[in-house]
Amino acid sequence: MDGSRRRKALLLGLGLDNKDGHVRYTKGPNFHLFGGSQETHEEMQDKAIRFNEELKKRDKRLEDINHDEFREIAEGIGLRQVAPKEGGE
């Protein structure tokens, strides 16, 4: 990649448990959050903000961290990786 193009990165949150009909969308530095119940959406907001705070402490941008740093931050704020179900279900 030449120096004229900067990498971009974005945390994307998608909540699938909305049953009240409200459309929830929050956009912030490094993140876009869509959907979810009020509780789920608030939890996504909290984690996105905490992720950004950790980046700031490290004096890094989302675009600059590697996969290991991403996992370290994610685990530190309580995000967890969901393993795919066996058999593709």
N, C-alpha and C. Protein backbone atom coordinates (compact mmCIF):
# COMPACT_ATOMS: atom_id res chain seq x y z
N MET A 1 0.85 -1.18 0.00
CA MET A 1 0.00 0.00 0.00
C MET A 1 0.89 1.23 0.00
N ASP A 2 0.55 2.19 -0.84
CA ASP A 2 1.37 3.41 -0.89
C ASP A 2 1.02 4.33 0.27
N GLY A 3 1.85 5.33 0.50
CA GLY A 3 1.67 6.22 1.64
C GLY A 3 0.48 7.14 1.55
N SER A 4 -0.18 7.21 0.40
CA SER A 4 -1.30 8.13 0.24
C SER A 4 -2.61 7.56 0.80
N ARG A 5 -2.65 6.26 1.04
CA ARG A 5 -3.88 5.64 1.57
C ARG A 5 -3.65 5.17 2.99
N ARG A 6 -4.55 5.54 3.88
CA ARG A 6 -4.45 5.11 5.27
C ARG A 6 -5.39 3.94 5.49
N ARG A 7 -4.93 3.00 6.29
CA ARG A 7 -5.80 1.90 6.69
C ARG A 7 -6.90 2.44 7.58
N LYS A 8 -8.06 1.84 7.50
CA LYS A 8 -9.17 2.21 8.36
C LYS A 8 -9.67 0.96 9.07
N ALA A 9 -10.13 1.13 10.28
CA ALA A 9 -10.66 0.02 11.05
C ALA A 9 -11.88 0.51 11.81
N LEU A 10 -12.78 -0.41 12.11
CA LEU A 10 -14.03 -0.07 12.77
C LEU A 10 -14.50 -1.25 13.59
N LEU A 11 -14.91 -0.99 14.82
CA LEU A 11 -15.58 -2.00 15.62
C LEU A 11 -17.05 -1.98 15.21
N LEU A 12 -17.60 -3.13 14.91
CA LEU A 12 -18.99 -3.22 14.50
C LEU A 12 -19.73 -4.08 15.50
N GLY A 13 -20.78 -3.51 16.11
CA GLY A 13 -21.59 -4.26 17.05
C GLY A 13 -22.96 -4.50 16.45
N LEU A 14 -23.43 -5.74 16.54
CA LEU A 14 -24.73 -6.10 16.01
C LEU A 14 -25.50 -6.88 17.06
N GLY A 15 -26.57 -6.27 17.56
CA GLY A 15 -27.42 -6.93 18.55
C GLY A 15 -28.61 -7.55 17.86
N LEU A 16 -28.87 -8.81 18.15
CA LEU A 16 -29.95 -9.54 17.46
C LEU A 16 -31.11 -9.90 18.37
N ASP A 17 -31.13 -9.36 19.58
CA ASP A 17 -32.16 -9.77 20.54
C ASP A 17 -33.25 -8.72 20.74
N ASN A 18 -33.47 -7.84 19.78
CA ASN A 18 -34.46 -6.77 19.93
C ASN A 18 -35.86 -7.31 19.68
N LYS A 19 -36.73 -7.17 20.68
CA LYS A 19 -38.11 -7.61 20.53
C LYS A 19 -39.10 -6.47 20.78
N ASP A 20 -38.58 -5.26 21.06
CA ASP A 20 -39.49 -4.15 21.39
C ASP A 20 -39.76 -3.23 20.20
N GLY A 21 -39.15 -3.50 19.05
CA GLY A 21 -39.42 -2.70 17.86
C GLY A 21 -38.61 -1.43 17.74
N HIS A 22 -37.84 -1.07 18.75
CA HIS A 22 -37.01 0.14 18.67
C HIS A 22 -35.81 -0.12 17.77
N VAL A 23 -35.46 0.87 16.99
CA VAL A 23 -34.27 0.79 16.16
C VAL A 23 -33.17 1.55 16.89
N ARG A 24 -32.14 0.84 17.27
CA ARG A 24 -31.04 1.45 18.01
C ARG A 24 -29.79 1.49 17.14
N TYR A 25 -29.18 2.66 17.11
CA TYR A 25 -27.95 2.86 16.33
C TYR A 25 -27.10 3.87 17.07
N THR A 26 -25.86 3.51 17.31
CA THR A 26 -24.91 4.42 17.95
C THR A 26 -23.63 4.42 17.13
N LYS A 27 -23.16 5.62 16.86
CA LYS A 27 -21.92 5.79 16.11
C LYS A 27 -20.96 6.59 16.98
N GLY A 28 -19.72 6.14 17.03
CA GLY A 28 -18.72 6.84 17.82
C GLY A 28 -17.36 6.66 17.19
N PRO A 29 -16.33 7.19 17.86
CA PRO A 29 -14.98 7.03 17.32
C PRO A 29 -14.63 5.54 17.24
N ASN A 30 -14.35 5.06 16.08
CA ASN A 30 -13.96 3.67 15.85
C ASN A 30 -15.09 2.66 15.94
N PHE A 31 -16.34 3.07 16.11
CA PHE A 31 -17.38 2.06 16.24
C PHE A 31 -18.73 2.50 15.68
N HIS A 32 -19.48 1.48 15.24
CA HIS A 32 -20.88 1.61 14.85
C HIS A 32 -21.60 0.44 15.49
N LEU A 33 -22.70 0.72 16.17
CA LEU A 33 -23.46 -0.31 16.87
C LEU A 33 -24.89 -0.30 16.35
N PHE A 34 -25.42 -1.47 16.04
CA PHE A 34 -26.76 -1.58 15.47
C PHE A 34 -27.58 -2.58 16.27
N GLY A 35 -28.83 -2.22 16.53
CA GLY A 35 -29.80 -3.17 17.05
C GLY A 35 -29.60 -3.55 18.49
N GLY A 36 -30.27 -4.64 18.83
CA GLY A 36 -30.23 -5.18 20.17
C GLY A 36 -31.31 -4.59 21.07
N SER A 37 -31.57 -5.30 22.15
CA SER A 37 -32.46 -4.78 23.18
C SER A 37 -31.77 -3.58 23.83
N GLN A 38 -32.51 -2.85 24.65
CA GLN A 38 -31.90 -1.71 25.33
C GLN A 38 -30.69 -2.17 26.14
N GLU A 39 -30.84 -3.26 26.85
CA GLU A 39 -29.74 -3.78 27.69
C GLU A 39 -28.54 -4.18 26.84
N THR A 40 -28.77 -4.89 25.76
CA THR A 40 -27.68 -5.33 24.89
C THR A 40 -26.98 -4.14 24.26
N HIS A 41 -27.76 -3.17 23.79
CA HIS A 41 -27.18 -2.00 23.13
C HIS A 41 -26.32 -1.21 24.11
N GLU A 42 -26.81 -1.04 25.33
CA GLU A 42 -26.03 -0.33 26.35
C GLU A 42 -24.72 -1.07 26.65
N GLU A 43 -24.79 -2.39 26.67
CA GLU A 43 -23.57 -3.18 26.92
C GLU A 43 -22.58 -3.01 25.77
N MET A 44 -23.08 -2.99 24.53
CA MET A 44 -22.20 -2.77 23.39
C MET A 44 -21.56 -1.38 23.47
N GLN A 45 -22.35 -0.38 23.86
CA GLN A 45 -21.82 0.98 23.99
C GLN A 45 -20.70 1.01 25.03
N ASP A 46 -20.94 0.39 26.16
CA ASP A 46 -19.95 0.37 27.24
C ASP A 46 -18.65 -0.29 26.77
N LYS A 47 -18.76 -1.42 26.09
CA LYS A 47 -17.55 -2.13 25.65
C LYS A 47 -16.81 -1.33 24.58
N ALA A 48 -17.54 -0.69 23.67
CA ALA A 48 -16.88 0.11 22.62
C ALA A 48 -16.14 1.29 23.24
N ILE A 49 -16.76 1.94 24.21
CA ILE A 49 -16.12 3.07 24.89
C ILE A 49 -14.89 2.61 25.66
N ARG A 50 -15.01 1.49 26.37
CA ARG A 50 -13.87 0.96 27.12
C ARG A 50 -12.74 0.53 26.19
N PHE A 51 -13.08 -0.03 25.03
CA PHE A 51 -12.07 -0.40 24.05
C PHE A 51 -11.30 0.84 23.62
N ASN A 52 -12.02 1.92 23.30
CA ASN A 52 -11.38 3.17 22.88
C ASN A 52 -10.53 3.76 24.00
N GLU A 53 -10.99 3.66 25.23
CA GLU A 53 -10.20 4.17 26.36
C GLU A 53 -8.88 3.40 26.47
N GLU A 54 -8.94 2.09 26.25
CA GLU A 54 -7.70 1.29 26.33
C GLU A 54 -6.76 1.65 25.18
N LEU A 55 -7.30 1.90 24.01
CA LEU A 55 -6.45 2.35 22.90
C LEU A 55 -5.76 3.66 23.26
N LYS A 56 -6.52 4.58 23.86
CA LYS A 56 -5.96 5.88 24.23
C LYS A 56 -4.84 5.71 25.26
N LYS A 57 -5.04 4.83 26.24
CA LYS A 57 -4.00 4.57 27.24
C LYS A 57 -2.72 4.07 26.58
N ARG A 58 -2.88 3.29 25.53
CA ARG A 58 -1.72 2.74 24.82
C ARG A 58 -1.18 3.69 23.77
N ASP A 59 -1.85 4.82 23.60
CA ASP A 59 -1.47 5.81 22.60
C ASP A 59 -1.42 5.18 21.20
N LYS A 60 -2.49 4.42 20.89
CA LYS A 60 -2.59 3.73 19.60
C LYS A 60 -3.95 3.99 18.99
N ARG A 61 -4.00 3.80 17.68
CA ARG A 61 -5.26 3.85 16.95
C ARG A 61 -5.70 2.42 16.65
N LEU A 62 -6.98 2.22 16.46
CA LEU A 62 -7.49 0.90 16.14
C LEU A 62 -6.78 0.33 14.91
N GLU A 63 -6.49 1.18 13.94
CA GLU A 63 -5.85 0.76 12.70
C GLU A 63 -4.43 0.25 12.92
N ASP A 64 -3.83 0.62 14.05
CA ASP A 64 -2.42 0.31 14.28
C ASP A 64 -2.17 -0.94 15.13
N ILE A 65 -3.21 -1.50 15.74
CA ILE A 65 -2.97 -2.66 16.59
C ILE A 65 -3.05 -3.94 15.76
N ASN A 66 -2.32 -4.96 16.22
CA ASN A 66 -2.36 -6.25 15.54
C ASN A 66 -3.41 -7.15 16.19
N HIS A 67 -3.58 -8.34 15.66
CA HIS A 67 -4.61 -9.26 16.16
C HIS A 67 -4.41 -9.61 17.63
N ASP A 68 -3.16 -9.83 18.03
CA ASP A 68 -2.88 -10.17 19.42
C ASP A 68 -3.25 -9.03 20.36
N GLU A 69 -2.91 -7.79 19.98
CA GLU A 69 -3.28 -6.64 20.81
C GLU A 69 -4.80 -6.48 20.86
N PHE A 70 -5.46 -6.71 19.73
CA PHE A 70 -6.91 -6.63 19.70
C PHE A 70 -7.52 -7.62 20.69
N ARG A 71 -7.06 -8.87 20.62
CA ARG A 71 -7.57 -9.90 21.54
C ARG A 71 -7.29 -9.54 22.99
N GLU A 72 -6.10 -9.03 23.27
CA GLU A 72 -5.72 -8.66 24.64
C GLU A 72 -6.66 -7.58 25.18
N ILE A 73 -6.91 -6.56 24.38
CA ILE A 73 -7.82 -5.49 24.81
C ILE A 73 -9.23 -6.05 24.97
N ALA A 74 -9.68 -6.81 23.99
CA ALA A 74 -11.04 -7.36 24.03
C ALA A 74 -11.26 -8.21 25.28
N GLU A 75 -10.32 -9.09 25.57
CA GLU A 75 -10.44 -9.93 26.75
C GLU A 75 -10.41 -9.10 28.02
N GLY A 76 -9.58 -8.06 28.03
CA GLY A 76 -9.45 -7.20 29.21
C GLY A 76 -10.71 -6.42 29.54
N ILE A 77 -11.56 -6.15 28.54
CA ILE A 77 -12.79 -5.41 28.79
C ILE A 77 -14.01 -6.34 28.86
N GLY A 78 -13.77 -7.64 28.76
CA GLY A 78 -14.86 -8.59 28.92
C GLY A 78 -15.52 -9.07 27.65
N LEU A 79 -14.94 -8.74 26.49
CA LEU A 79 -15.46 -9.32 25.26
C LEU A 79 -14.96 -10.74 25.17
N ARG A 80 -15.76 -11.60 24.59
CA ARG A 80 -15.31 -12.97 24.45
C ARG A 80 -15.56 -13.46 23.04
N GLN A 81 -14.69 -14.33 22.60
CA GLN A 81 -14.82 -14.91 21.26
C GLN A 81 -15.79 -16.06 21.34
N VAL A 82 -16.72 -16.10 20.42
CA VAL A 82 -17.68 -17.19 20.37
C VAL A 82 -17.18 -18.21 19.35
N ALA A 83 -17.02 -19.43 19.81
CA ALA A 83 -16.56 -20.48 18.93
C ALA A 83 -17.70 -20.90 18.00
N PRO A 84 -17.38 -21.19 16.73
CA PRO A 84 -18.43 -21.65 15.82
C PRO A 84 -18.98 -22.99 16.28
N LYS A 85 -20.26 -23.21 16.03
CA LYS A 85 -20.87 -24.48 16.40
C LYS A 85 -20.37 -25.58 15.47
N GLU A 86 -20.21 -26.76 16.03
CA GLU A 86 -19.78 -27.89 15.20
C GLU A 86 -20.89 -28.28 14.26
N GLY A 87 -20.52 -28.70 13.08
CA GLY A 87 -21.51 -29.14 12.09
C GLY A 87 -22.15 -27.98 11.33
N GLY A 88 -21.66 -26.75 11.56
CA GLY A 88 -22.16 -25.60 10.81
C GLY A 88 -23.56 -25.17 11.16
N GLU A 89 -24.07 -25.58 12.31
CA GLU A 89 -25.44 -25.19 12.71
C GLU A 89 -25.50 -23.79 13.25
